[in-house]
Full PDB file with SEQRES, HELIX, SHEET, SSBOND, CRYST1, ORIGX, SCALE, CONECT and MASTER records, all heavy atoms in Angstrom:
SEQRES   1 A   33  ALA ALA TRP ILE GLU THR GLN ASP TRP ALA TYR ALA ALA          
SEQRES   2 A   33  SER LYS GLU SER HIS ALA THR LEU VAL PHE HIS ASN LEU          
SEQRES   3 A   33  LEU GLY GLU ILE ASP GLN GLN                                  
HELIX    1 AA1 ILE A    4  THR A    6  5                                   3    
HELIX    2 AA2 TRP A    9  SER A   14  1                                   6    
HELIX    3 AA3 GLU A   16  GLN A   32  1                                  17    
CRYST1    1.000    1.000    1.000  90.00  90.00  90.00 P 1           1          
ORIGX1      1.000000  0.000000  0.000000        0.00000                         
ORIGX2      0.000000  1.000000  0.000000        0.00000                         
ORIGX3      0.000000  0.000000  1.000000        0.00000                         
SCALE1      1.000000  0.000000  0.000000        0.00000                         
SCALE2      0.000000  1.000000  0.000000        0.00000                         
SCALE3      0.000000  0.000000  1.000000        0.00000                         
ATOM      1  N   ALA A   1       0.865  -1.186  -0.012  1.00  0.00           N  
ATOM      2  CA  ALA A   1       0.023   0.016  -0.019  1.00  0.00           C  
ATOM      3  C   ALA A   1       0.809   1.278  -0.021  1.00  0.00           C  
ATOM      4  O   ALA A   1       0.595   2.173  -0.813  1.00  0.00           O  
ATOM      5  CB  ALA A   1      -0.934   0.039   1.264  1.00  0.00           C  
ATOM      6  N   ALA A   2       1.908   1.318   0.808  1.00  0.00           N  
ATOM      7  CA  ALA A   2       2.678   2.500   0.928  1.00  0.00           C  
ATOM      8  C   ALA A   2       3.385   2.854  -0.430  1.00  0.00           C  
ATOM      9  O   ALA A   2       3.427   3.987  -0.843  1.00  0.00           O  
ATOM     10  CB  ALA A   2       3.752   2.374   2.059  1.00  0.00           C  
ATOM     11  N   TRP A   3       3.976   1.808  -0.986  1.00  0.00           N  
ATOM     12  CA  TRP A   3       4.634   1.983  -2.302  1.00  0.00           C  
ATOM     13  C   TRP A   3       3.689   2.373  -3.402  1.00  0.00           C  
ATOM     14  O   TRP A   3       3.879   3.280  -4.217  1.00  0.00           O  
ATOM     15  CB  TRP A   3       5.407   0.781  -2.730  1.00  0.00           C  
ATOM     16  CG  TRP A   3       6.133   0.903  -4.005  1.00  0.00           C  
ATOM     17  CD1 TRP A   3       7.280   1.452  -4.243  1.00  0.00           C  
ATOM     18  CD2 TRP A   3       5.586   0.448  -5.297  1.00  0.00           C  
ATOM     19  NE1 TRP A   3       7.601   1.326  -5.593  1.00  0.00           N  
ATOM     20  CE2 TRP A   3       6.556   0.760  -6.278  1.00  0.00           C  
ATOM     21  CE3 TRP A   3       4.437  -0.160  -5.715  1.00  0.00           C  
ATOM     22  CZ2 TRP A   3       6.392   0.503  -7.615  1.00  0.00           C  
ATOM     23  CZ3 TRP A   3       4.286  -0.425  -7.149  1.00  0.00           C  
ATOM     24  CH2 TRP A   3       5.255  -0.125  -8.025  1.00  0.00           C  
ATOM     25  N   ILE A   4       2.511   1.702  -3.484  1.00  0.00           N  
ATOM     26  CA  ILE A   4       1.557   1.950  -4.444  1.00  0.00           C  
ATOM     27  C   ILE A   4       1.065   3.412  -4.490  1.00  0.00           C  
ATOM     28  O   ILE A   4       0.911   4.023  -5.578  1.00  0.00           O  
ATOM     29  CB  ILE A   4       0.333   0.967  -4.325  1.00  0.00           C  
ATOM     30  CG1 ILE A   4       0.786  -0.463  -4.730  1.00  0.00           C  
ATOM     31  CG2 ILE A   4      -0.840   1.425  -5.149  1.00  0.00           C  
ATOM     32  CD1 ILE A   4      -0.242  -1.557  -4.424  1.00  0.00           C  
ATOM     33  N   GLU A   5       0.845   3.932  -3.350  1.00  0.00           N  
ATOM     34  CA  GLU A   5       0.281   5.239  -3.153  1.00  0.00           C  
ATOM     35  C   GLU A   5       1.287   6.363  -3.485  1.00  0.00           C  
ATOM     36  O   GLU A   5       0.902   7.535  -3.482  1.00  0.00           O  
ATOM     37  CB  GLU A   5      -0.333   5.423  -1.796  1.00  0.00           C  
ATOM     38  CG  GLU A   5      -1.529   4.587  -1.640  1.00  0.00           C  
ATOM     39  CD  GLU A   5      -2.064   4.600  -0.177  1.00  0.00           C  
ATOM     40  OE1 GLU A   5      -1.697   5.507   0.619  1.00  0.00           O  
ATOM     41  OE2 GLU A   5      -2.895   3.701   0.196  1.00  0.00           O  
ATOM     42  N   THR A   6       2.500   5.974  -3.763  1.00  0.00           N  
ATOM     43  CA  THR A   6       3.501   7.081  -4.041  1.00  0.00           C  
ATOM     44  C   THR A   6       3.752   7.072  -5.573  1.00  0.00           C  
ATOM     45  O   THR A   6       4.519   7.955  -6.107  1.00  0.00           O  
ATOM     46  CB  THR A   6       4.844   6.750  -3.404  1.00  0.00           C  
ATOM     47  OG1 THR A   6       5.356   5.440  -3.841  1.00  0.00           O  
ATOM     48  CG2 THR A   6       4.766   6.704  -1.884  1.00  0.00           C  
ATOM     49  N   GLN A   7       3.097   6.205  -6.385  1.00  0.00           N  
ATOM     50  CA  GLN A   7       3.375   6.198  -7.747  1.00  0.00           C  
ATOM     51  C   GLN A   7       2.387   7.035  -8.530  1.00  0.00           C  
ATOM     52  O   GLN A   7       1.243   7.274  -8.122  1.00  0.00           O  
ATOM     53  CB  GLN A   7       3.219   4.676  -8.280  1.00  0.00           C  
ATOM     54  CG  GLN A   7       4.056   3.711  -7.533  1.00  0.00           C  
ATOM     55  CD  GLN A   7       5.512   4.071  -7.552  1.00  0.00           C  
ATOM     56  OE1 GLN A   7       6.125   4.330  -8.612  1.00  0.00           O  
ATOM     57  NE2 GLN A   7       6.077   4.221  -6.359  1.00  0.00           N  
ATOM     58  N   ASP A   8       2.816   7.526  -9.684  1.00  0.00           N  
ATOM     59  CA  ASP A   8       1.970   8.423 -10.608  1.00  0.00           C  
ATOM     60  C   ASP A   8       1.372   7.439 -11.587  1.00  0.00           C  
ATOM     61  O   ASP A   8       1.872   7.253 -12.684  1.00  0.00           O  
ATOM     62  CB  ASP A   8       2.793   9.460 -11.248  1.00  0.00           C  
ATOM     63  CG  ASP A   8       1.979  10.513 -12.019  1.00  0.00           C  
ATOM     64  OD1 ASP A   8       0.817  10.102 -12.262  1.00  0.00           O  
ATOM     65  OD2 ASP A   8       2.493  11.555 -12.381  1.00  0.00           O  
ATOM     66  N   TRP A   9       0.208   6.828 -11.228  1.00  0.00           N  
ATOM     67  CA  TRP A   9      -0.348   5.857 -12.093  1.00  0.00           C  
ATOM     68  C   TRP A   9      -1.028   6.507 -13.382  1.00  0.00           C  
ATOM     69  O   TRP A   9      -1.151   5.903 -14.455  1.00  0.00           O  
ATOM     70  CB  TRP A   9      -1.439   5.086 -11.361  1.00  0.00           C  
ATOM     71  CG  TRP A   9      -0.847   4.298 -10.214  1.00  0.00           C  
ATOM     72  CD1 TRP A   9      -0.884   4.587  -8.890  1.00  0.00           C  
ATOM     73  CD2 TRP A   9      -0.027   3.119 -10.319  1.00  0.00           C  
ATOM     74  NE1 TRP A   9      -0.186   3.642  -8.149  1.00  0.00           N  
ATOM     75  CE2 TRP A   9       0.351   2.785  -9.029  1.00  0.00           C  
ATOM     76  CE3 TRP A   9       0.410   2.336 -11.381  1.00  0.00           C  
ATOM     77  CZ2 TRP A   9       1.166   1.656  -8.812  1.00  0.00           C  
ATOM     78  CZ3 TRP A   9       1.241   1.229 -11.173  1.00  0.00           C  
ATOM     79  CH2 TRP A   9       1.609   0.922  -9.853  1.00  0.00           C  
ATOM     80  N   ALA A  10      -1.486   7.759 -13.282  1.00  0.00           N  
ATOM     81  CA  ALA A  10      -2.010   8.452 -14.438  1.00  0.00           C  
ATOM     82  C   ALA A  10      -0.940   8.596 -15.483  1.00  0.00           C  
ATOM     83  O   ALA A  10      -1.175   8.342 -16.694  1.00  0.00           O  
ATOM     84  CB  ALA A  10      -2.551   9.809 -14.013  1.00  0.00           C  
ATOM     85  N   TYR A  11       0.277   8.927 -15.114  1.00  0.00           N  
ATOM     86  CA  TYR A  11       1.385   9.074 -16.049  1.00  0.00           C  
ATOM     87  C   TYR A  11       1.766   7.676 -16.639  1.00  0.00           C  
ATOM     88  O   TYR A  11       2.032   7.601 -17.772  1.00  0.00           O  
ATOM     89  CB  TYR A  11       2.584   9.719 -15.397  1.00  0.00           C  
ATOM     90  CG  TYR A  11       3.737  10.019 -16.324  1.00  0.00           C  
ATOM     91  CD1 TYR A  11       3.662  11.054 -17.256  1.00  0.00           C  
ATOM     92  CD2 TYR A  11       4.847   9.179 -16.316  1.00  0.00           C  
ATOM     93  CE1 TYR A  11       4.724  11.285 -18.108  1.00  0.00           C  
ATOM     94  CE2 TYR A  11       5.909   9.439 -17.170  1.00  0.00           C  
ATOM     95  CZ  TYR A  11       5.810  10.506 -18.036  1.00  0.00           C  
ATOM     96  OH  TYR A  11       6.851  10.721 -18.894  1.00  0.00           O  
ATOM     97  N   ALA A  12       1.812   6.736 -15.790  1.00  0.00           N  
ATOM     98  CA  ALA A  12       1.994   5.308 -16.222  1.00  0.00           C  
ATOM     99  C   ALA A  12       1.070   4.815 -17.239  1.00  0.00           C  
ATOM    100  O   ALA A  12       1.367   4.158 -18.271  1.00  0.00           O  
ATOM    101  CB  ALA A  12       2.189   4.362 -15.116  1.00  0.00           C  
ATOM    102  N   ALA A  13      -0.218   5.305 -17.042  1.00  0.00           N  
ATOM    103  CA  ALA A  13      -1.268   4.823 -17.969  1.00  0.00           C  
ATOM    104  C   ALA A  13      -1.093   5.555 -19.369  1.00  0.00           C  
ATOM    105  O   ALA A  13      -1.608   4.964 -20.366  1.00  0.00           O  
ATOM    106  CB  ALA A  13      -2.652   5.148 -17.378  1.00  0.00           C  
ATOM    107  N   SER A  14      -0.485   6.641 -19.367  1.00  0.00           N  
ATOM    108  CA  SER A  14      -0.384   7.379 -20.635  1.00  0.00           C  
ATOM    109  C   SER A  14       0.909   7.199 -21.389  1.00  0.00           C  
ATOM    110  O   SER A  14       1.050   7.553 -22.477  1.00  0.00           O  
ATOM    111  CB  SER A  14      -0.511   8.923 -20.412  1.00  0.00           C  
ATOM    112  OG  SER A  14       0.515   9.419 -19.516  1.00  0.00           O  
ATOM    113  N   LYS A  15       1.924   6.534 -20.678  1.00  0.00           N  
ATOM    114  CA  LYS A  15       3.247   6.410 -21.272  1.00  0.00           C  
ATOM    115  C   LYS A  15       3.758   4.949 -21.100  1.00  0.00           C  
ATOM    116  O   LYS A  15       3.984   4.556 -19.937  1.00  0.00           O  
ATOM    117  CB  LYS A  15       4.234   7.455 -20.804  1.00  0.00           C  
ATOM    118  CG  LYS A  15       5.546   7.410 -21.558  1.00  0.00           C  
ATOM    119  CD  LYS A  15       6.438   8.573 -21.129  1.00  0.00           C  
ATOM    120  CE  LYS A  15       7.607   8.608 -22.039  1.00  0.00           C  
ATOM    121  NZ  LYS A  15       8.588   9.798 -21.708  1.00  0.00           N  
ATOM    122  N   GLU A  16       3.820   4.201 -22.187  1.00  0.00           N  
ATOM    123  CA  GLU A  16       4.150   2.813 -22.032  1.00  0.00           C  
ATOM    124  C   GLU A  16       5.485   2.490 -21.495  1.00  0.00           C  
ATOM    125  O   GLU A  16       5.640   1.630 -20.605  1.00  0.00           O  
ATOM    126  CB  GLU A  16       4.053   2.110 -23.442  1.00  0.00           C  
ATOM    127  CG  GLU A  16       4.261   0.623 -23.360  1.00  0.00           C  
ATOM    128  CD  GLU A  16       4.139   0.030 -24.811  1.00  0.00           C  
ATOM    129  OE1 GLU A  16       3.833   0.702 -25.761  1.00  0.00           O  
ATOM    130  OE2 GLU A  16       4.489  -1.195 -24.867  1.00  0.00           O  
ATOM    131  N   SER A  17       6.450   3.383 -21.804  1.00  0.00           N  
ATOM    132  CA  SER A  17       7.858   3.106 -21.284  1.00  0.00           C  
ATOM    133  C   SER A  17       7.910   3.297 -19.713  1.00  0.00           C  
ATOM    134  O   SER A  17       8.481   2.498 -19.036  1.00  0.00           O  
ATOM    135  CB  SER A  17       8.852   4.095 -21.916  1.00  0.00           C  
ATOM    136  OG  SER A  17       8.482   5.400 -21.628  1.00  0.00           O  
ATOM    137  N   HIS A  18       7.115   4.306 -19.229  1.00  0.00           N  
ATOM    138  CA  HIS A  18       7.096   4.501 -17.795  1.00  0.00           C  
ATOM    139  C   HIS A  18       6.255   3.305 -17.144  1.00  0.00           C  
ATOM    140  O   HIS A  18       6.616   2.912 -16.023  1.00  0.00           O  
ATOM    141  CB  HIS A  18       6.487   5.890 -17.454  1.00  0.00           C  
ATOM    142  CG  HIS A  18       6.514   6.108 -15.970  1.00  0.00           C  
ATOM    143  ND1 HIS A  18       7.669   6.310 -15.316  1.00  0.00           N  
ATOM    144  CD2 HIS A  18       5.507   6.236 -15.024  1.00  0.00           C  
ATOM    145  CE1 HIS A  18       7.415   6.579 -14.003  1.00  0.00           C  
ATOM    146  NE2 HIS A  18       6.154   6.469 -13.839  1.00  0.00           N  
ATOM    147  N   ALA A  19       5.243   2.896 -17.888  1.00  0.00           N  
ATOM    148  CA  ALA A  19       4.463   1.820 -17.249  1.00  0.00           C  
ATOM    149  C   ALA A  19       5.280   0.511 -17.124  1.00  0.00           C  
ATOM    150  O   ALA A  19       5.201  -0.202 -16.126  1.00  0.00           O  
ATOM    151  CB  ALA A  19       3.228   1.458 -18.148  1.00  0.00           C  
ATOM    152  N   THR A  20       6.208   0.320 -18.074  1.00  0.00           N  
ATOM    153  CA  THR A  20       7.132  -0.861 -18.010  1.00  0.00           C  
ATOM    154  C   THR A  20       7.999  -0.699 -16.852  1.00  0.00           C  
ATOM    155  O   THR A  20       8.255  -1.658 -16.136  1.00  0.00           O  
ATOM    156  CB  THR A  20       7.917  -0.963 -19.311  1.00  0.00           C  
ATOM    157  OG1 THR A  20       7.029  -1.129 -20.419  1.00  0.00           O  
ATOM    158  CG2 THR A  20       8.888  -2.221 -19.215  1.00  0.00           C  
ATOM    159  N   LEU A  21       8.590   0.551 -16.659  1.00  0.00           N  
ATOM    160  CA  LEU A  21       9.457   0.808 -15.543  1.00  0.00           C  
ATOM    161  C   LEU A  21       8.778   0.504 -14.160  1.00  0.00           C  
ATOM    162  O   LEU A  21       9.267  -0.189 -13.289  1.00  0.00           O  
ATOM    163  CB  LEU A  21       9.992   2.260 -15.599  1.00  0.00           C  
ATOM    164  CG  LEU A  21      10.860   2.657 -14.368  1.00  0.00           C  
ATOM    165  CD1 LEU A  21      12.076   1.891 -14.278  1.00  0.00           C  
ATOM    166  CD2 LEU A  21      11.103   4.161 -14.559  1.00  0.00           C  
ATOM    167  N   VAL A  22       7.541   1.007 -14.096  1.00  0.00           N  
ATOM    168  CA  VAL A  22       6.696   0.832 -12.805  1.00  0.00           C  
ATOM    169  C   VAL A  22       6.482  -0.624 -12.583  1.00  0.00           C  
ATOM    170  O   VAL A  22       6.534  -1.132 -11.526  1.00  0.00           O  
ATOM    171  CB  VAL A  22       5.417   1.645 -12.808  1.00  0.00           C  
ATOM    172  CG1 VAL A  22       4.570   1.277 -11.692  1.00  0.00           C  
ATOM    173  CG2 VAL A  22       5.695   3.100 -12.899  1.00  0.00           C  
ATOM    174  N   PHE A  23       6.164  -1.343 -13.705  1.00  0.00           N  
ATOM    175  CA  PHE A  23       5.864  -2.873 -13.504  1.00  0.00           C  
ATOM    176  C   PHE A  23       7.084  -3.559 -12.954  1.00  0.00           C  
ATOM    177  O   PHE A  23       6.933  -4.365 -12.057  1.00  0.00           O  
ATOM    178  CB  PHE A  23       5.502  -3.423 -14.906  1.00  0.00           C  
ATOM    179  CG  PHE A  23       5.369  -4.844 -14.884  1.00  0.00           C  
ATOM    180  CD1 PHE A  23       4.228  -5.435 -14.327  1.00  0.00           C  
ATOM    181  CD2 PHE A  23       6.317  -5.697 -15.403  1.00  0.00           C  
ATOM    182  CE1 PHE A  23       4.075  -6.876 -14.353  1.00  0.00           C  
ATOM    183  CE2 PHE A  23       6.255  -7.070 -15.435  1.00  0.00           C  
ATOM    184  CZ  PHE A  23       5.028  -7.678 -14.874  1.00  0.00           C  
ATOM    185  N   HIS A  24       8.277  -3.292 -13.478  1.00  0.00           N  
ATOM    186  CA  HIS A  24       9.468  -3.961 -13.020  1.00  0.00           C  
ATOM    187  C   HIS A  24       9.802  -3.527 -11.545  1.00  0.00           C  
ATOM    188  O   HIS A  24      10.302  -4.362 -10.811  1.00  0.00           O  
ATOM    189  CB  HIS A  24      10.603  -3.693 -13.924  1.00  0.00           C  
ATOM    190  CG  HIS A  24      10.553  -4.492 -15.213  1.00  0.00           C  
ATOM    191  ND1 HIS A  24      10.949  -5.784 -15.335  1.00  0.00           N  
ATOM    192  CD2 HIS A  24      10.139  -4.130 -16.455  1.00  0.00           C  
ATOM    193  CE1 HIS A  24      10.751  -6.272 -16.538  1.00  0.00           C  
ATOM    194  NE2 HIS A  24      10.215  -5.243 -17.229  1.00  0.00           N  
ATOM    195  N   ASN A  25       9.498  -2.213 -11.305  1.00  0.00           N  
ATOM    196  CA  ASN A  25       9.646  -1.796  -9.890  1.00  0.00           C  
ATOM    197  C   ASN A  25       8.664  -2.549  -8.955  1.00  0.00           C  
ATOM    198  O   ASN A  25       9.001  -2.877  -7.833  1.00  0.00           O  
ATOM    199  CB  ASN A  25       9.477  -0.277  -9.718  1.00  0.00           C  
ATOM    200  CG  ASN A  25      10.559   0.488 -10.328  1.00  0.00           C  
ATOM    201  OD1 ASN A  25      11.670  -0.020 -10.562  1.00  0.00           O  
ATOM    202  ND2 ASN A  25      10.274   1.738 -10.669  1.00  0.00           N  
ATOM    203  N   LEU A  26       7.462  -2.841  -9.424  1.00  0.00           N  
ATOM    204  CA  LEU A  26       6.484  -3.553  -8.664  1.00  0.00           C  
ATOM    205  C   LEU A  26       6.982  -5.004  -8.408  1.00  0.00           C  
ATOM    206  O   LEU A  26       6.850  -5.476  -7.290  1.00  0.00           O  
ATOM    207  CB  LEU A  26       5.135  -3.609  -9.472  1.00  0.00           C  
ATOM    208  CG  LEU A  26       4.045  -4.558  -8.924  1.00  0.00           C  
ATOM    209  CD1 LEU A  26       3.603  -4.061  -7.575  1.00  0.00           C  
ATOM    210  CD2 LEU A  26       2.903  -4.611  -9.878  1.00  0.00           C  
ATOM    211  N   LEU A  27       7.617  -5.668  -9.399  1.00  0.00           N  
ATOM    212  CA  LEU A  27       8.102  -6.951  -9.203  1.00  0.00           C  
ATOM    213  C   LEU A  27       9.227  -6.889  -8.088  1.00  0.00           C  
ATOM    214  O   LEU A  27       9.365  -7.862  -7.312  1.00  0.00           O  
ATOM    215  CB  LEU A  27       8.672  -7.546 -10.456  1.00  0.00           C  
ATOM    216  CG  LEU A  27       7.698  -7.721 -11.626  1.00  0.00           C  
ATOM    217  CD1 LEU A  27       8.343  -8.387 -12.798  1.00  0.00           C  
ATOM    218  CD2 LEU A  27       6.519  -8.636 -11.124  1.00  0.00           C  
ATOM    219  N   GLY A  28      10.052  -5.838  -8.177  1.00  0.00           N  
ATOM    220  CA  GLY A  28      11.019  -5.705  -7.126  1.00  0.00           C  
ATOM    221  C   GLY A  28      10.453  -5.524  -5.804  1.00  0.00           C  
ATOM    222  O   GLY A  28      11.034  -6.083  -4.781  1.00  0.00           O  
ATOM    223  N   GLU A  29       9.422  -4.781  -5.642  1.00  0.00           N  
ATOM    224  CA  GLU A  29       8.688  -4.619  -4.306  1.00  0.00           C  
ATOM    225  C   GLU A  29       8.205  -5.908  -3.885  1.00  0.00           C  
ATOM    226  O   GLU A  29       8.228  -6.230  -2.668  1.00  0.00           O  
ATOM    227  CB  GLU A  29       7.637  -3.601  -4.424  1.00  0.00           C  
ATOM    228  CG  GLU A  29       8.104  -2.116  -4.663  1.00  0.00           C  
ATOM    229  CD  GLU A  29       8.828  -1.614  -3.521  1.00  0.00           C  
ATOM    230  OE1 GLU A  29       8.480  -1.842  -2.393  1.00  0.00           O  
ATOM    231  OE2 GLU A  29       9.891  -0.878  -3.725  1.00  0.00           O  
ATOM    232  N   ILE A  30       7.660  -6.723  -4.764  1.00  0.00           N  
ATOM    233  CA  ILE A  30       7.113  -8.013  -4.371  1.00  0.00           C  
ATOM    234  C   ILE A  30       8.235  -8.939  -3.789  1.00  0.00           C  
ATOM    235  O   ILE A  30       8.127  -9.655  -2.874  1.00  0.00           O  
ATOM    236  CB  ILE A  30       6.484  -8.702  -5.561  1.00  0.00           C  
ATOM    237  CG1 ILE A  30       5.200  -7.970  -6.002  1.00  0.00           C  
ATOM    238  CG2 ILE A  30       6.093 -10.195  -5.244  1.00  0.00           C  
ATOM    239  CD1 ILE A  30       4.417  -8.494  -7.206  1.00  0.00           C  
ATOM    240  N   ASP A  31       9.425  -8.870  -4.541  1.00  0.00           N  
ATOM    241  CA  ASP A  31      10.600  -9.645  -4.041  1.00  0.00           C  
ATOM    242  C   ASP A  31      10.977  -9.142  -2.726  1.00  0.00           C  
ATOM    243  O   ASP A  31      11.284 -10.032  -1.786  1.00  0.00           O  
ATOM    244  CB  ASP A  31      11.787  -9.432  -5.035  1.00  0.00           C  
ATOM    245  CG  ASP A  31      11.588 -10.167  -6.248  1.00  0.00           C  
ATOM    246  OD1 ASP A  31      10.859 -11.158  -6.258  1.00  0.00           O  
ATOM    247  OD2 ASP A  31      12.215  -9.787  -7.344  1.00  0.00           O  
ATOM    248  N   GLN A  32      11.042  -7.903  -2.352  1.00  0.00           N  
ATOM    249  CA  GLN A  32      11.382  -7.389  -1.045  1.00  0.00           C  
ATOM    250  C   GLN A  32      10.419  -7.859  -0.010  1.00  0.00           C  
ATOM    251  O   GLN A  32      10.735  -8.283   1.133  1.00  0.00           O  
ATOM    252  CB  GLN A  32      11.507  -5.926  -1.048  1.00  0.00           C  
ATOM    253  CG  GLN A  32      12.615  -5.381  -1.871  1.00  0.00           C  
ATOM    254  CD  GLN A  32      12.787  -3.829  -1.749  1.00  0.00           C  
ATOM    255  OE1 GLN A  32      12.253  -3.223  -0.782  1.00  0.00           O  
ATOM    256  NE2 GLN A  32      13.529  -3.219  -2.627  1.00  0.00           N  
ATOM    257  N   GLN A  33       9.118  -7.838  -0.342  1.00  0.00           N  
ATOM    258  CA  GLN A  33       8.107  -8.297   0.588  1.00  0.00           C  
ATOM    259  C   GLN A  33       8.189  -9.814   0.844  1.00  0.00           C  
ATOM    260  O   GLN A  33       8.043 -10.272   1.952  1.00  0.00           O  
ATOM    261  CB  GLN A  33       6.708  -7.951   0.103  1.00  0.00           C  
ATOM    262  CG  GLN A  33       5.571  -8.272   1.013  1.00  0.00           C  
ATOM    263  CD  GLN A  33       5.583  -7.483   2.215  1.00  0.00           C  
ATOM    264  OE1 GLN A  33       5.749  -6.241   2.222  1.00  0.00           O  
ATOM    265  NE2 GLN A  33       5.456  -8.046   3.404  1.00  0.00           N  
TER     266      GLN A  33                                                      
MASTER        0    0    0    3    0    0    0    6  265    1    0    3          
END                                                                             
């Protein structure tokens, strides 16, 4: 929750390259958890 609420999801939805970056960061957060 804490990480998710710090992301700019509107920007990720409008730009594919940033969405890919956020996705891989999400996988990294899952690994840490």
